Amino acid sequence: MTPGAPEEPPPMPSPNDFVGVMIPTGNKPALISYYVALASLLPVLGIAAGIVAVAFGVKGIRLVRRHPEVRGGLHAWFGVLFGGFFALAWTVLLILIVVKSAGGR
């Protein structure tokens, strides 16, 4: 945050009921990271979805550190780790396919 800029209001905390604990609605970046990380399993979307999951996961982790009442740290970490792993795995696989197909000529 820049000096002199107005401070942003804290996000709405996640509800304390069962659903609010399981789905941290107060931490939108963590939820986006979680679901996009699941999409990184798909071969066509894997690399881009993994990168998006990591970016939103980092935002979600920072939000939890600033405002613990929003919860969602596990969702954010899942997005960072799972999305990062599959982005890397699909990238390596793509490189291997390109090298293998270029070497066969």
PDB file of N, CA and C in Angstrom:
ATOM      1  N   MET A   1       0.846  -1.171   0.000  1.00  0.00           N
ATOM      2  CA  MET A   1       0.000   0.000   0.000  1.00  0.00           C
ATOM      3  C   MET A   1       0.891   1.234   0.000  1.00  0.00           C
ATOM      4  N   THR A   2       0.505   2.238  -0.741  1.00  0.00           N
ATOM      5  CA  THR A   2       1.296   3.452  -0.837  1.00  0.00           C
ATOM      6  C   THR A   2       0.956   4.389   0.317  1.00  0.00           C
ATOM      7  N   PRO A   3       1.946   5.169   0.785  1.00  0.00           N
ATOM      8  CA  PRO A   3       1.671   6.108   1.876  1.00  0.00           C
ATOM      9  C   PRO A   3       0.656   7.162   1.431  1.00  0.00           C
ATOM     10  N   GLY A   4      -0.261   7.473   2.310  1.00  0.00           N
ATOM     11  CA  GLY A   4      -1.261   8.482   2.020  1.00  0.00           C
ATOM     12  C   GLY A   4      -2.484   7.938   1.304  1.00  0.00           C
ATOM     13  N   ALA A   5      -2.415   6.696   0.828  1.00  0.00           N
ATOM     14  CA  ALA A   5      -3.573   6.096   0.152  1.00  0.00           C
ATOM     15  C   ALA A   5      -4.594   5.671   1.206  1.00  0.00           C
ATOM     16  N   PRO A   6      -5.872   5.768   0.894  1.00  0.00           N
ATOM     17  CA  PRO A   6      -6.873   5.350   1.866  1.00  0.00           C
ATOM     18  C   PRO A   6      -6.782   3.847   2.112  1.00  0.00           C
ATOM     19  N   GLU A   7      -6.960   3.467   3.369  1.00  0.00           N
ATOM     20  CA  GLU A   7      -6.870   2.054   3.725  1.00  0.00           C
ATOM     21  C   GLU A   7      -8.149   1.352   3.285  1.00  0.00           C
ATOM     22  N   GLU A   8      -7.976   0.184   2.672  1.00  0.00           N
ATOM     23  CA  GLU A   8      -9.143  -0.564   2.210  1.00  0.00           C
ATOM     24  C   GLU A   8      -9.850  -1.200   3.400  1.00  0.00           C
ATOM     25  N   PRO A   9     -11.167  -1.269   3.354  1.00  0.00           N
ATOM     26  CA  PRO A   9     -11.897  -1.878   4.464  1.00  0.00           C
ATOM     27  C   PRO A   9     -11.635  -3.382   4.501  1.00  0.00           C
ATOM     28  N   PRO A  10     -11.666  -3.993   5.677  1.00  0.00           N
ATOM     29  CA  PRO A  10     -11.437  -5.435   5.751  1.00  0.00           C
ATOM     30  C   PRO A  10     -12.577  -6.190   5.068  1.00  0.00           C
ATOM     31  N   PRO A  11     -12.282  -7.347   4.497  1.00  0.00           N
ATOM     32  CA  PRO A  11     -13.333  -8.120   3.835  1.00  0.00           C
ATOM     33  C   PRO A  11     -14.312  -8.688   4.861  1.00  0.00           C
ATOM     34  N   MET A  12     -15.466  -9.101   4.374  1.00  0.00           N
ATOM     35  CA  MET A  12     -16.454  -9.725   5.246  1.00  0.00           C
ATOM     36  C   MET A  12     -15.879 -11.040   5.765  1.00  0.00           C
ATOM     37  N   PRO A  13     -15.987 -11.298   7.067  1.00  0.00           N
ATOM     38  CA  PRO A  13     -15.473 -12.572   7.581  1.00  0.00           C
ATOM     39  C   PRO A  13     -16.339 -13.733   7.109  1.00  0.00           C
ATOM     40  N   SER A  14     -15.741 -14.902   7.043  1.00  0.00           N
ATOM     41  CA  SER A  14     -16.502 -16.099   6.691  1.00  0.00           C
ATOM     42  C   SER A  14     -17.433 -16.434   7.848  1.00  0.00           C
ATOM     43  N   PRO A  15     -18.644 -16.940   7.562  1.00  0.00           N
ATOM     44  CA  PRO A  15     -19.572 -17.303   8.635  1.00  0.00           C
ATOM     45  C   PRO A  15     -18.988 -18.397   9.542  1.00  0.00           C
ATOM     46  N   ASN A  16     -19.489 -18.474  10.752  1.00  0.00           N
ATOM     47  CA  ASN A  16     -18.990 -19.458  11.709  1.00  0.00           C
ATOM     48  C   ASN A  16     -19.742 -20.779  11.653  1.00  0.00           C
ATOM     49  N   ASP A  17     -20.717 -20.914  10.755  1.00  0.00           N
ATOM     50  CA  ASP A  17     -21.430 -22.181  10.655  1.00  0.00           C
ATOM     51  C   ASP A  17     -20.586 -23.199   9.881  1.00  0.00           C
ATOM     52  N   PHE A  18     -21.111 -24.408   9.761  1.00  0.00           N
ATOM     53  CA  PHE A  18     -20.367 -25.491   9.108  1.00  0.00           C
ATOM     54  C   PHE A  18     -19.969 -25.131   7.684  1.00  0.00           C
ATOM     55  N   VAL A  19     -20.902 -24.602   6.925  1.00  0.00           N
ATOM     56  CA  VAL A  19     -20.612 -24.251   5.530  1.00  0.00           C
ATOM     57  C   VAL A  19     -19.575 -23.136   5.462  1.00  0.00           C
ATOM     58  N   GLY A  20     -19.668 -22.160   6.347  1.00  0.00           N
ATOM     59  CA  GLY A  20     -18.709 -21.068   6.363  1.00  0.00           C
ATOM     60  C   GLY A  20     -17.307 -21.517   6.725  1.00  0.00           C
ATOM     61  N   VAL A  21     -17.209 -22.572   7.529  1.00  0.00           N
ATOM     62  CA  VAL A  21     -15.897 -23.108   7.887  1.00  0.00           C
ATOM     63  C   VAL A  21     -15.332 -23.918   6.713  1.00  0.00           C
ATOM     64  N   MET A  22     -16.181 -24.683   6.050  1.00  0.00           N
ATOM     65  CA  MET A  22     -15.723 -25.526   4.945  1.00  0.00           C
ATOM     66  C   MET A  22     -15.485 -24.734   3.657  1.00  0.00           C
ATOM     67  N   ILE A  23     -16.273 -23.691   3.440  1.00  0.00           N
ATOM     68  CA  ILE A  23     -16.134 -22.857   2.244  1.00  0.00           C
ATOM     69  C   ILE A  23     -15.920 -21.414   2.711  1.00  0.00           C
ATOM     70  N   PRO A  24     -14.679 -20.969   2.757  1.00  0.00           N
ATOM     71  CA  PRO A  24     -14.378 -19.631   3.285  1.00  0.00           C
ATOM     72  C   PRO A  24     -14.800 -18.520   2.323  1.00  0.00           C
ATOM     73  N   THR A  25     -16.066 -18.156   2.375  1.00  0.00           N
ATOM     74  CA  THR A  25     -16.602 -17.177   1.428  1.00  0.00           C
ATOM     75  C   THR A  25     -15.997 -15.782   1.595  1.00  0.00           C
ATOM     76  N   GLY A  26     -15.378 -15.520   2.736  1.00  0.00           N
ATOM     77  CA  GLY A  26     -14.757 -14.218   2.942  1.00  0.00           C
ATOM     78  C   GLY A  26     -13.439 -14.060   2.205  1.00  0.00           C
ATOM     79  N   ASN A  27     -12.882 -15.163   1.714  1.00  0.00           N
ATOM     80  CA  ASN A  27     -11.586 -15.122   1.038  1.00  0.00           C
ATOM     81  C   ASN A  27     -11.761 -15.588  -0.408  1.00  0.00           C
ATOM     82  N   LYS A  28     -12.216 -14.682  -1.248  1.00  0.00           N
ATOM     83  CA  LYS A  28     -12.475 -15.012  -2.658  1.00  0.00           C
ATOM     84  C   LYS A  28     -11.219 -15.472  -3.405  1.00  0.00           C
ATOM     85  N   PRO A  29     -10.049 -14.825  -3.205  1.00  0.00           N
ATOM     86  CA  PRO A  29      -8.861 -15.309  -3.925  1.00  0.00           C
ATOM     87  C   PRO A  29      -8.505 -16.750  -3.581  1.00  0.00           C
ATOM     88  N   ALA A  30      -8.689 -17.153  -2.321  1.00  0.00           N
ATOM     89  CA  ALA A  30      -8.384 -18.531  -1.938  1.00  0.00           C
ATOM     90  C   ALA A  30      -9.336 -19.507  -2.616  1.00  0.00           C
ATOM     91  N   LEU A  31     -10.610 -19.144  -2.699  1.00  0.00           N
ATOM     92  CA  LEU A  31     -11.573 -20.021  -3.365  1.00  0.00           C
ATOM     93  C   LEU A  31     -11.279 -20.138  -4.852  1.00  0.00           C
ATOM     94  N   ILE A  32     -10.956 -19.017  -5.487  1.00  0.00           N
ATOM     95  CA  ILE A  32     -10.619 -19.047  -6.911  1.00  0.00           C
ATOM     96  C   ILE A  32      -9.383 -19.916  -7.125  1.00  0.00           C
ATOM     97  N   SER A  33      -8.393 -19.748  -6.271  1.00  0.00           N
ATOM     98  CA  SER A  33      -7.171 -20.534  -6.370  1.00  0.00           C
ATOM     99  C   SER A  33      -7.461 -22.027  -6.253  1.00  0.00           C
ATOM    100  N   TYR A  34      -8.306 -22.394  -5.313  1.00  0.00           N
ATOM    101  CA  TYR A  34      -8.644 -23.796  -5.074  1.00  0.00           C
ATOM    102  C   TYR A  34      -9.303 -24.418  -6.308  1.00  0.00           C
ATOM    103  N   TYR A  35     -10.321 -23.757  -6.829  1.00  0.00           N
ATOM    104  CA  TYR A  35     -11.049 -24.323  -7.963  1.00  0.00           C
ATOM    105  C   TYR A  35     -10.244 -24.298  -9.257  1.00  0.00           C
ATOM    106  N   VAL A  36      -9.462 -23.262  -9.464  1.00  0.00           N
ATOM    107  CA  VAL A  36      -8.633 -23.198 -10.667  1.00  0.00           C
ATOM    108  C   VAL A  36      -7.507 -24.233 -10.586  1.00  0.00           C
ATOM    109  N   ALA A  37      -7.018 -24.503  -9.373  1.00  0.00           N
ATOM    110  CA  ALA A  37      -5.998 -25.547  -9.211  1.00  0.00           C
ATOM    111  C   ALA A  37      -6.560 -26.906  -9.606  1.00  0.00           C
ATOM    112  N   LEU A  38      -7.816 -27.155  -9.304  1.00  0.00           N
ATOM    113  CA  LEU A  38      -8.443 -28.406  -9.744  1.00  0.00           C
ATOM    114  C   LEU A  38      -8.516 -28.462 -11.269  1.00  0.00           C
ATOM    115  N   ALA A  39      -8.749 -27.331 -11.897  1.00  0.00           N
ATOM    116  CA  ALA A  39      -8.791 -27.281 -13.356  1.00  0.00           C
ATOM    117  C   ALA A  39      -7.411 -27.502 -13.972  1.00  0.00           C
ATOM    118  N   SER A  40      -6.358 -27.291 -13.188  1.00  0.00           N
ATOM    119  CA  SER A  40      -5.006 -27.500 -13.717  1.00  0.00           C
ATOM    120  C   SER A  40      -4.714 -28.970 -13.975  1.00  0.00           C
ATOM    121  N   LEU A  41      -5.578 -29.855 -13.553  1.00  0.00           N
ATOM    122  CA  LEU A  41      -5.438 -31.278 -13.876  1.00  0.00           C
ATOM    123  C   LEU A  41      -5.661 -31.547 -15.359  1.00  0.00           C
ATOM    124  N   LEU A  42      -6.438 -30.700 -16.007  1.00  0.00           N
ATOM    125  CA  LEU A  42      -6.783 -30.908 -17.407  1.00  0.00           C
ATOM    126  C   LEU A  42      -5.608 -30.561 -18.310  1.00  0.00           C
ATOM    127  N   PRO A  43      -5.268 -31.440 -19.236  1.00  0.00           N
ATOM    128  CA  PRO A  43      -4.097 -31.204 -20.086  1.00  0.00           C
ATOM    129  C   PRO A  43      -4.147 -29.900 -20.877  1.00  0.00           C
ATOM    130  N   VAL A  44      -5.292 -29.538 -21.403  1.00  0.00           N
ATOM    131  CA  VAL A  44      -5.373 -28.347 -22.238  1.00  0.00           C
ATOM    132  C   VAL A  44      -5.225 -27.071 -21.414  1.00  0.00           C
ATOM    133  N   LEU A  45      -5.796 -27.068 -20.218  1.00  0.00           N
ATOM    134  CA  LEU A  45      -5.792 -25.872 -19.370  1.00  0.00           C
ATOM    135  C   LEU A  45      -4.682 -25.861 -18.325  1.00  0.00           C
ATOM    136  N   GLY A  46      -3.984 -26.952 -18.169  1.00  0.00           N
ATOM    137  CA  GLY A  46      -3.087 -27.167 -17.048  1.00  0.00           C
ATOM    138  C   GLY A  46      -2.082 -26.080 -16.741  1.00  0.00           C
ATOM    139  N   ILE A  47      -1.340 -25.645 -17.727  1.00  0.00           N
ATOM    140  CA  ILE A  47      -0.273 -24.671 -17.474  1.00  0.00           C
ATOM    141  C   ILE A  47      -0.858 -23.319 -17.076  1.00  0.00           C
ATOM    142  N   ALA A  48      -1.796 -22.814 -17.863  1.00  0.00           N
ATOM    143  CA  ALA A  48      -2.383 -21.503 -17.563  1.00  0.00           C
ATOM    144  C   ALA A  48      -3.165 -21.534 -16.253  1.00  0.00           C
ATOM    145  N   ALA A  49      -3.942 -22.589 -16.031  1.00  0.00           N
ATOM    146  CA  ALA A  49      -4.719 -22.691 -14.802  1.00  0.00           C
ATOM    147  C   ALA A  49      -3.807 -22.785 -13.587  1.00  0.00           C
ATOM    148  N   GLY A  50      -2.714 -23.504 -13.716  1.00  0.00           N
ATOM    149  CA  GLY A  50      -1.768 -23.617 -12.606  1.00  0.00           C
ATOM    150  C   GLY A  50      -1.157 -22.275 -12.228  1.00  0.00           C
ATOM    151  N   ILE A  51      -0.809 -21.485 -13.226  1.00  0.00           N
ATOM    152  CA  ILE A  51      -0.227 -20.166 -12.964  1.00  0.00           C
ATOM    153  C   ILE A  51      -1.258 -19.254 -12.290  1.00  0.00           C
ATOM    154  N   VAL A  52      -2.495 -19.292 -12.781  1.00  0.00           N
ATOM    155  CA  VAL A  52      -3.564 -18.489 -12.185  1.00  0.00           C
ATOM    156  C   VAL A  52      -3.816 -18.940 -10.749  1.00  0.00           C
ATOM    157  N   ALA A  53      -3.804 -20.244 -10.506  1.00  0.00           N
ATOM    158  CA  ALA A  53      -4.031 -20.772  -9.154  1.00  0.00           C
ATOM    159  C   ALA A  53      -2.948 -20.296  -8.184  1.00  0.00           C
ATOM    160  N   VAL A  54      -1.715 -20.286  -8.636  1.00  0.00           N
ATOM    161  CA  VAL A  54      -0.618 -19.822  -7.773  1.00  0.00           C
ATOM    162  C   VAL A  54      -0.787 -18.338  -7.459  1.00  0.00           C
ATOM    163  N   ALA A  55      -1.105 -17.545  -8.464  1.00  0.00           N
ATOM    164  CA  ALA A  55      -1.251 -16.098  -8.256  1.00  0.00           C
ATOM    165  C   ALA A  55      -2.375 -15.797  -7.259  1.00  0.00           C
ATOM    166  N   PHE A  56      -3.540 -16.417  -7.457  1.00  0.00           N
ATOM    167  CA  PHE A  56      -4.649 -16.175  -6.539  1.00  0.00           C
ATOM    168  C   PHE A  56      -4.384 -16.794  -5.165  1.00  0.00           C
ATOM    169  N   GLY A  57      -3.666 -17.899  -5.133  1.00  0.00           N
ATOM    170  CA  GLY A  57      -3.321 -18.516  -3.857  1.00  0.00           C
ATOM    171  C   GLY A  57      -2.450 -17.609  -3.001  1.00  0.00           C
ATOM    172  N   VAL A  58      -1.486 -16.974  -3.627  1.00  0.00           N
ATOM    173  CA  VAL A  58      -0.622 -16.033  -2.896  1.00  0.00           C
ATOM    174  C   VAL A  58      -1.461 -14.872  -2.365  1.00  0.00           C
ATOM    175  N   LYS A  59      -2.383 -14.366  -3.181  1.00  0.00           N
ATOM    176  CA  LYS A  59      -3.270 -13.290  -2.709  1.00  0.00           C
ATOM    177  C   LYS A  59      -4.104 -13.767  -1.524  1.00  0.00           C
ATOM    178  N   GLY A  60      -4.613 -14.993  -1.609  1.00  0.00           N
ATOM    179  CA  GLY A  60      -5.418 -15.548  -0.525  1.00  0.00           C
ATOM    180  C   GLY A  60      -4.633 -15.711   0.762  1.00  0.00           C
ATOM    181  N   ILE A  61      -3.394 -16.158   0.656  1.00  0.00           N
ATOM    182  CA  ILE A  61      -2.535 -16.318   1.844  1.00  0.00           C
ATOM    183  C   ILE A  61      -2.269 -14.955   2.474  1.00  0.00           C
ATOM    184  N   ARG A  62      -1.981 -13.962   1.652  1.00  0.00           N
ATOM    185  CA  ARG A  62      -1.740 -12.613   2.186  1.00  0.00           C
ATOM    186  C   ARG A  62      -2.988 -12.059   2.870  1.00  0.00           C
ATOM    187  N   LEU A  63      -4.155 -12.333   2.299  1.00  0.00           N
ATOM    188  CA  LEU A  63      -5.403 -11.865   2.897  1.00  0.00           C
ATOM    189  C   LEU A  63      -5.636 -12.509   4.255  1.00  0.00           C
ATOM    190  N   VAL A  64      -5.354 -13.788   4.375  1.00  0.00           N
ATOM    191  CA  VAL A  64      -5.513 -14.486   5.662  1.00  0.00           C
ATOM    192  C   VAL A  64      -4.539 -13.927   6.693  1.00  0.00           C
ATOM    193  N   ARG A  65      -3.338 -13.604   6.271  1.00  0.00           N
ATOM    194  CA  ARG A  65      -2.358 -13.044   7.219  1.00  0.00           C
ATOM    195  C   ARG A  65      -2.785 -11.668   7.728  1.00  0.00           C
ATOM    196  N   ARG A  66      -3.417 -10.874   6.854  1.00  0.00           N
ATOM    197  CA  ARG A  66      -3.886  -9.548   7.265  1.00  0.00           C
ATOM    198  C   ARG A  66      -5.188  -9.614   8.057  1.00  0.00           C
ATOM    199  N   HIS A  67      -6.072 -10.536   7.644  1.00  0.00           N
ATOM    200  CA  HIS A  67      -7.410 -10.642   8.248  1.00  0.00           C
ATOM    201  C   HIS A  67      -7.732 -12.115   8.514  1.00  0.00           C
ATOM    202  N   PRO A  68      -7.284 -12.676   9.625  1.00  0.00           N
ATOM    203  CA  PRO A  68      -7.487 -14.107   9.891  1.00  0.00           C
ATOM    204  C   PRO A  68      -8.958 -14.530   9.940  1.00  0.00           C
ATOM    205  N   GLU A  69      -9.856 -13.598  10.186  1.00  0.00           N
ATOM    206  CA  GLU A  69     -11.273 -13.942  10.295  1.00  0.00           C
ATOM    207  C   GLU A  69     -11.883 -14.383   8.966  1.00  0.00           C
ATOM    208  N   VAL A  70     -11.216 -14.119   7.839  1.00  0.00           N
ATOM    209  CA  VAL A  70     -11.772 -14.538   6.553  1.00  0.00           C
ATOM    210  C   VAL A  70     -11.516 -16.025   6.274  1.00  0.00           C
ATOM    211  N   ARG A  71     -10.561 -16.611   6.981  1.00  0.00           N
ATOM    212  CA  ARG A  71     -10.178 -18.013   6.813  1.00  0.00           C
ATOM    213  C   ARG A  71      -9.802 -18.315   5.362  1.00  0.00           C
ATOM    214  N   GLY A  72      -9.594 -19.573   5.057  1.00  0.00           N
ATOM    215  CA  GLY A  72      -9.277 -19.983   3.691  1.00  0.00           C
ATOM    216  C   GLY A  72      -7.812 -20.220   3.421  1.00  0.00           C
ATOM    217  N   GLY A  73      -7.004 -20.244   4.455  1.00  0.00           N
ATOM    218  CA  GLY A  73      -5.577 -20.470   4.257  1.00  0.00           C
ATOM    219  C   GLY A  73      -5.272 -21.816   3.610  1.00  0.00           C
ATOM    220  N   LEU A  74      -6.005 -22.850   4.014  1.00  0.00           N
ATOM    221  CA  LEU A  74      -5.765 -24.167   3.417  1.00  0.00           C
ATOM    222  C   LEU A  74      -6.163 -24.202   1.945  1.00  0.00           C
ATOM    223  N   HIS A  75      -7.253 -23.538   1.611  1.00  0.00           N
ATOM    224  CA  HIS A  75      -7.661 -23.461   0.212  1.00  0.00           C
ATOM    225  C   HIS A  75      -6.581 -22.746  -0.608  1.00  0.00           C
ATOM    226  N   ALA A  76      -6.049 -21.667  -0.056  1.00  0.00           N
ATOM    227  CA  ALA A  76      -5.026 -20.899  -0.766  1.00  0.00           C
ATOM    228  C   ALA A  76      -3.744 -21.716  -0.927  1.00  0.00           C
ATOM    229  N   TRP A  77      -3.312 -22.392   0.135  1.00  0.00           N
ATOM    230  CA  TRP A  77      -2.103 -23.219   0.042  1.00  0.00           C
ATOM    231  C   TRP A  77      -2.297 -24.371  -0.926  1.00  0.00           C
ATOM    232  N   PHE A  78      -3.488 -24.972  -0.920  1.00  0.00           N
ATOM    233  CA  PHE A  78      -3.786 -26.038  -1.881  1.00  0.00           C
ATOM    234  C   PHE A  78      -3.621 -25.507  -3.299  1.00  0.00           C
ATOM    235  N   GLY A  79      -4.160 -24.328  -3.570  1.00  0.00           N
ATOM    236  CA  GLY A  79      -4.040 -23.735  -4.899  1.00  0.00           C
ATOM    237  C   GLY A  79      -2.608 -23.482  -5.303  1.00  0.00           C
ATOM    238  N   VAL A  80      -1.811 -22.973  -4.367  1.00  0.00           N
ATOM    239  CA  VAL A  80      -0.407 -22.685  -4.664  1.00  0.00           C
ATOM    240  C   VAL A  80       0.353 -23.980  -4.967  1.00  0.00           C
ATOM    241  N   LEU A  81       0.211 -24.962  -4.090  1.00  0.00           N
ATOM    242  CA  LEU A  81       0.988 -26.195  -4.245  1.00  0.00           C
ATOM    243  C   LEU A  81       0.489 -27.055  -5.404  1.00  0.00           C
ATOM    244  N   PHE A  82      -0.796 -27.304  -5.452  1.00  0.00           N
ATOM    245  CA  PHE A  82      -1.376 -28.152  -6.486  1.00  0.00           C
ATOM    246  C   PHE A  82      -1.262 -27.485  -7.852  1.00  0.00           C
ATOM    247  N   GLY A  83      -1.635 -26.210  -7.934  1.00  0.00           N
ATOM    248  CA  GLY A  83      -1.541 -25.487  -9.206  1.00  0.00           C
ATOM    249  C   GLY A  83      -0.105 -25.368  -9.686  1.00  0.00           C
ATOM    250  N   GLY A  84       0.795 -25.073  -8.761  1.00  0.00           N
ATOM    251  CA  GLY A  84       2.210 -24.969  -9.127  1.00  0.00           C
ATOM    252  C   GLY A  84       2.784 -26.288  -9.612  1.00  0.00           C
ATOM    253  N   PHE A  85       2.424 -27.368  -8.922  1.00  0.00           N
ATOM    254  CA  PHE A  85       2.914 -28.688  -9.322  1.00  0.00           C
ATOM    255  C   PHE A  85       2.442 -29.051 -10.723  1.00  0.00           C
ATOM    256  N   PHE A  86       1.147 -28.886 -10.988  1.00  0.00           N
ATOM    257  CA  PHE A  86       0.636 -29.293 -12.286  1.00  0.00           C
ATOM    258  C   PHE A  86       1.049 -28.342 -13.405  1.00  0.00           C
ATOM    259  N   ALA A  87       1.234 -27.075 -13.120  1.00  0.00           N
ATOM    260  CA  ALA A  87       1.767 -26.164 -14.148  1.00  0.00           C
ATOM    261  C   ALA A  87       3.174 -26.611 -14.544  1.00  0.00           C
ATOM    262  N   LEU A  88       3.972 -26.958 -13.549  1.00  0.00           N
ATOM    263  CA  LEU A  88       5.332 -27.431 -13.812  1.00  0.00           C
ATOM    264  C   LEU A  88       5.311 -28.774 -14.535  1.00  0.00           C
ATOM    265  N   ALA A  89       4.462 -29.690 -14.085  1.00  0.00           N
ATOM    266  CA  ALA A  89       4.399 -31.018 -14.696  1.00  0.00           C
ATOM    267  C   ALA A  89       3.962 -30.942 -16.159  1.00  0.00           C
ATOM    268  N   TRP A  90       2.930 -30.138 -16.455  1.00  0.00           N
ATOM    269  CA  TRP A  90       2.472 -30.016 -17.847  1.00  0.00           C
ATOM    270  C   TRP A  90       3.522 -29.316 -18.708  1.00  0.00           C
ATOM    271  N   THR A  91       4.250 -28.363 -18.133  1.00  0.00           N
ATOM    272  CA  THR A  91       5.306 -27.678 -18.889  1.00  0.00           C
ATOM    273  C   THR A  91       6.420 -28.654 -19.252  1.00  0.00           C
ATOM    274  N   VAL A  92       6.843 -29.457 -18.282  1.00  0.00           N
ATOM    275  CA  VAL A  92       7.895 -30.453 -18.540  1.00  0.00           C
ATOM    276  C   VAL A  92       7.428 -31.459 -19.578  1.00  0.00           C
ATOM    277  N   LEU A  93       6.191 -31.924 -19.450  1.00  0.00           N
ATOM    278  CA  LEU A  93       5.650 -32.877 -20.416  1.00  0.00           C
ATOM    279  C   LEU A  93       5.599 -32.275 -21.820  1.00  0.00           C
ATOM    280  N   LEU A  94       5.176 -31.029 -21.923  1.00  0.00           N
ATOM    281  CA  LEU A  94       5.122 -30.363 -23.223  1.00  0.00           C
ATOM    282  C   LEU A  94       6.515 -30.235 -23.833  1.00  0.00           C
ATOM    283  N   ILE A  95       7.498 -29.870 -23.021  1.00  0.00           N
ATOM    284  CA  ILE A  95       8.878 -29.760 -23.510  1.00  0.00           C
ATOM    285  C   ILE A  95       9.386 -31.114 -23.986  1.00  0.00           C
ATOM    286  N   LEU A  96       9.097 -32.161 -23.217  1.00  0.00           N
ATOM    287  CA  LEU A  96       9.533 -33.508 -23.618  1.00  0.00           C
ATOM    288  C   LEU A  96       8.884 -33.938 -24.939  1.00  0.00           C
ATOM    289  N   ILE A  97       7.625 -33.618 -25.112  1.00  0.00           N
ATOM    290  CA  ILE A  97       6.931 -33.970 -26.364  1.00  0.00           C
ATOM    291  C   ILE A  97       7.551 -33.223 -27.542  1.00  0.00           C
ATOM    292  N   VAL A  98       7.817 -31.929 -27.362  1.00  0.00           N
ATOM    293  CA  VAL A  98       8.407 -31.132 -28.444  1.00  0.00           C
ATOM    294  C   VAL A  98       9.801 -31.633 -28.776  1.00  0.00           C
ATOM    295  N   VAL A  99      10.609 -31.910 -27.759  1.00  0.00           N
ATOM    296  CA  VAL A  99      11.980 -32.388 -28.005  1.00  0.00           C
ATOM    297  C   VAL A  99      11.943 -33.759 -28.667  1.00  0.00           C
ATOM    298  N   LYS A 100      11.067 -34.618 -28.208  1.00  0.00           N
ATOM    299  CA  LYS A 100      10.972 -35.969 -28.762  1.00  0.00           C
ATOM    300  C   LYS A 100      10.523 -35.926 -30.227  1.00  0.00           C
ATOM    301  N   SER A 101       9.547 -35.056 -30.523  1.00  0.00           N
ATOM    302  CA  SER A 101       9.062 -34.988 -31.903  1.00  0.00           C
ATOM    303  C   SER A 101      10.089 -34.324 -32.829  1.00  0.00           C
ATOM    304  N   ALA A 102      10.863 -33.384 -32.322  1.00  0.00           N
ATOM    305  CA  ALA A 102      11.893 -32.724 -33.142  1.00  0.00           C
ATOM    306  C   ALA A 102      13.088 -33.638 -33.351  1.00  0.00           C
ATOM    307  N   GLY A 103      13.370 -34.502 -32.386  1.00  0.00           N
ATOM    308  CA  GLY A 103      14.533 -35.406 -32.493  1.00  0.00           C
ATOM    309  C   GLY A 103      14.277 -36.582 -33.385  1.00  0.00           C
ATOM    310  N   GLY A 104      13.033 -36.883 -33.687  1.00  0.00           N
ATOM    311  CA  GLY A 104      12.708 -38.051 -34.498  1.00  0.00           C
ATOM    312  C   GLY A 104      12.831 -37.819 -35.990  1.00  0.00           C
ATOM    313  N   ARG A 105      13.193 -36.656 -36.425  1.00  0.00           N
ATOM    314  CA  ARG A 105      13.268 -36.352 -37.865  1.00  0.00           C
ATOM    315  C   ARG A 105      14.585 -36.711 -38.431  1.00  0.00           C
TER     316      ARG A 105
END
